[in-house]
Amino acid sequence: MIAADLERLAAAQLGDGGWDVDYLQISPAGKLDWRGVATLRAIDILRANGVV
């Protein structure tokens, strides 16, 4: 179900407005770098599907 996956993605948004990475981080700095990528990807997916 695509709708359920979109709801899950939207619900994963953190209080600061971003999304966390879903893989084992090598370093704290790497986590911060990839959080931006994950956030932009989530926003792009949600916009493309009319959620935001």
N, C-alpha and C. Protein backbone atom coordinates (compact mmCIF):
# COMPACT_ATOMS: atom_id res chain seq x y z
N MET A 1 0.82 -1.18 0.00
CA MET A 1 0.00 0.00 0.00
C MET A 1 0.87 1.25 0.00
N ILE A 2 0.77 1.99 -1.05
CA ILE A 2 1.55 3.21 -1.16
C ILE A 2 1.10 4.23 -0.13
N ALA A 3 -0.19 4.36 0.08
CA ALA A 3 -0.70 5.35 1.04
C ALA A 3 -0.15 5.09 2.44
N ALA A 4 -0.07 3.84 2.82
CA ALA A 4 0.46 3.50 4.15
C ALA A 4 1.94 3.84 4.25
N ASP A 5 2.68 3.61 3.17
CA ASP A 5 4.11 3.95 3.18
C ASP A 5 4.31 5.46 3.25
N LEU A 6 3.47 6.22 2.56
CA LEU A 6 3.56 7.68 2.62
C LEU A 6 3.24 8.19 4.02
N GLU A 7 2.24 7.61 4.65
CA GLU A 7 1.90 7.98 6.03
C GLU A 7 3.05 7.67 6.98
N ARG A 8 3.67 6.51 6.79
CA ARG A 8 4.81 6.11 7.62
C ARG A 8 5.97 7.08 7.43
N LEU A 9 6.23 7.46 6.19
CA LEU A 9 7.31 8.40 5.92
C LEU A 9 7.03 9.75 6.56
N ALA A 10 5.82 10.25 6.42
CA ALA A 10 5.46 11.54 7.03
C ALA A 10 5.55 11.47 8.55
N ALA A 11 5.16 10.37 9.12
CA ALA A 11 5.18 10.22 10.58
C ALA A 11 6.61 10.11 11.13
N ALA A 12 7.57 9.77 10.28
CA ALA A 12 8.95 9.63 10.73
C ALA A 12 9.67 10.98 10.85
N GLN A 13 8.99 12.05 10.48
CA GLN A 13 9.62 13.37 10.59
C GLN A 13 9.86 13.69 12.06
N LEU A 14 11.07 14.16 12.34
CA LEU A 14 11.45 14.47 13.71
C LEU A 14 10.99 15.87 14.11
N GLY A 15 11.07 16.18 15.38
CA GLY A 15 10.61 17.45 15.90
C GLY A 15 11.31 18.67 15.32
N ASP A 16 12.55 18.48 14.85
CA ASP A 16 13.27 19.61 14.26
C ASP A 16 12.97 19.78 12.78
N GLY A 17 12.07 18.97 12.25
CA GLY A 17 11.65 19.09 10.85
C GLY A 17 12.36 18.17 9.89
N GLY A 18 13.39 17.48 10.35
CA GLY A 18 14.15 16.60 9.46
C GLY A 18 13.80 15.14 9.64
N TRP A 19 14.45 14.32 8.83
CA TRP A 19 14.31 12.88 8.92
C TRP A 19 15.67 12.30 9.27
N ASP A 20 15.68 11.24 10.04
CA ASP A 20 16.92 10.60 10.44
C ASP A 20 17.34 9.60 9.37
N VAL A 21 18.61 9.26 9.36
CA VAL A 21 19.09 8.24 8.44
C VAL A 21 18.76 6.86 9.01
N ASP A 22 18.56 5.91 8.12
CA ASP A 22 18.13 4.58 8.56
C ASP A 22 19.20 3.52 8.33
N TYR A 23 20.44 3.89 8.52
CA TYR A 23 21.53 2.92 8.41
C TYR A 23 22.55 3.20 9.50
N LEU A 24 23.41 2.25 9.71
CA LEU A 24 24.43 2.38 10.75
C LEU A 24 25.39 3.51 10.39
N GLN A 25 25.50 4.47 11.27
CA GLN A 25 26.37 5.60 11.01
C GLN A 25 27.81 5.27 11.37
N ILE A 26 28.71 5.73 10.54
CA ILE A 26 30.13 5.50 10.80
C ILE A 26 30.64 6.50 11.82
N SER A 27 30.11 7.72 11.76
CA SER A 27 30.54 8.76 12.69
C SER A 27 29.40 9.74 12.92
N PRO A 28 29.42 10.50 14.02
CA PRO A 28 28.38 11.51 14.25
C PRO A 28 28.32 12.55 13.14
N ALA A 29 29.47 12.94 12.59
CA ALA A 29 29.48 13.92 11.50
C ALA A 29 28.83 13.34 10.25
N GLY A 30 29.06 12.07 9.98
CA GLY A 30 28.44 11.42 8.83
C GLY A 30 26.93 11.38 8.96
N LYS A 31 26.46 11.15 10.17
CA LYS A 31 25.02 11.13 10.40
C LYS A 31 24.42 12.49 10.07
N LEU A 32 25.07 13.57 10.48
CA LEU A 32 24.57 14.91 10.17
C LEU A 32 24.59 15.18 8.68
N ASP A 33 25.65 14.76 8.00
CA ASP A 33 25.72 14.95 6.55
C ASP A 33 24.58 14.24 5.84
N TRP A 34 24.36 12.99 6.18
CA TRP A 34 23.36 12.20 5.48
C TRP A 34 21.94 12.50 5.92
N ARG A 35 21.76 13.12 7.09
CA ARG A 35 20.41 13.52 7.51
C ARG A 35 19.82 14.52 6.52
N GLY A 36 20.64 15.42 6.02
CA GLY A 36 20.17 16.39 5.03
C GLY A 36 19.69 15.70 3.77
N VAL A 37 20.43 14.72 3.31
CA VAL A 37 20.05 13.97 2.12
C VAL A 37 18.73 13.24 2.37
N ALA A 38 18.61 12.60 3.52
CA ALA A 38 17.39 11.86 3.85
C ALA A 38 16.19 12.80 3.94
N THR A 39 16.40 13.99 4.49
CA THR A 39 15.31 14.97 4.62
C THR A 39 14.85 15.44 3.26
N LEU A 40 15.77 15.79 2.39
CA LEU A 40 15.40 16.25 1.05
C LEU A 40 14.70 15.15 0.26
N ARG A 41 15.15 13.93 0.43
CA ARG A 41 14.52 12.79 -0.27
C ARG A 41 13.08 12.59 0.22
N ALA A 42 12.90 12.65 1.53
CA ALA A 42 11.56 12.46 2.09
C ALA A 42 10.62 13.56 1.61
N ILE A 43 11.08 14.80 1.63
CA ILE A 43 10.24 15.92 1.18
C ILE A 43 9.88 15.74 -0.30
N ASP A 44 10.86 15.35 -1.10
CA ASP A 44 10.61 15.15 -2.54
C ASP A 44 9.56 14.07 -2.77
N ILE A 45 9.66 12.97 -2.05
CA ILE A 45 8.69 11.86 -2.20
C ILE A 45 7.30 12.32 -1.77
N LEU A 46 7.21 13.01 -0.63
CA LEU A 46 5.92 13.44 -0.13
C LEU A 46 5.28 14.48 -1.05
N ARG A 47 6.06 15.42 -1.56
CA ARG A 47 5.54 16.42 -2.50
C ARG A 47 5.06 15.79 -3.79
N ALA A 48 5.84 14.86 -4.31
CA ALA A 48 5.49 14.20 -5.57
C ALA A 48 4.18 13.43 -5.47
N ASN A 49 3.83 13.06 -4.25
CA ASN A 49 2.60 12.28 -4.04
C ASN A 49 1.49 13.12 -3.39
N GLY A 50 1.67 14.43 -3.36
CA GLY A 50 0.62 15.31 -2.88
C GLY A 50 0.38 15.29 -1.38
N VAL A 51 1.34 14.84 -0.61
CA VAL A 51 1.16 14.77 0.84
C VAL A 51 1.48 16.11 1.49
N VAL A 52 2.48 16.83 0.99
CA VAL A 52 2.83 18.16 1.52
C VAL A 52 2.83 19.17 0.40
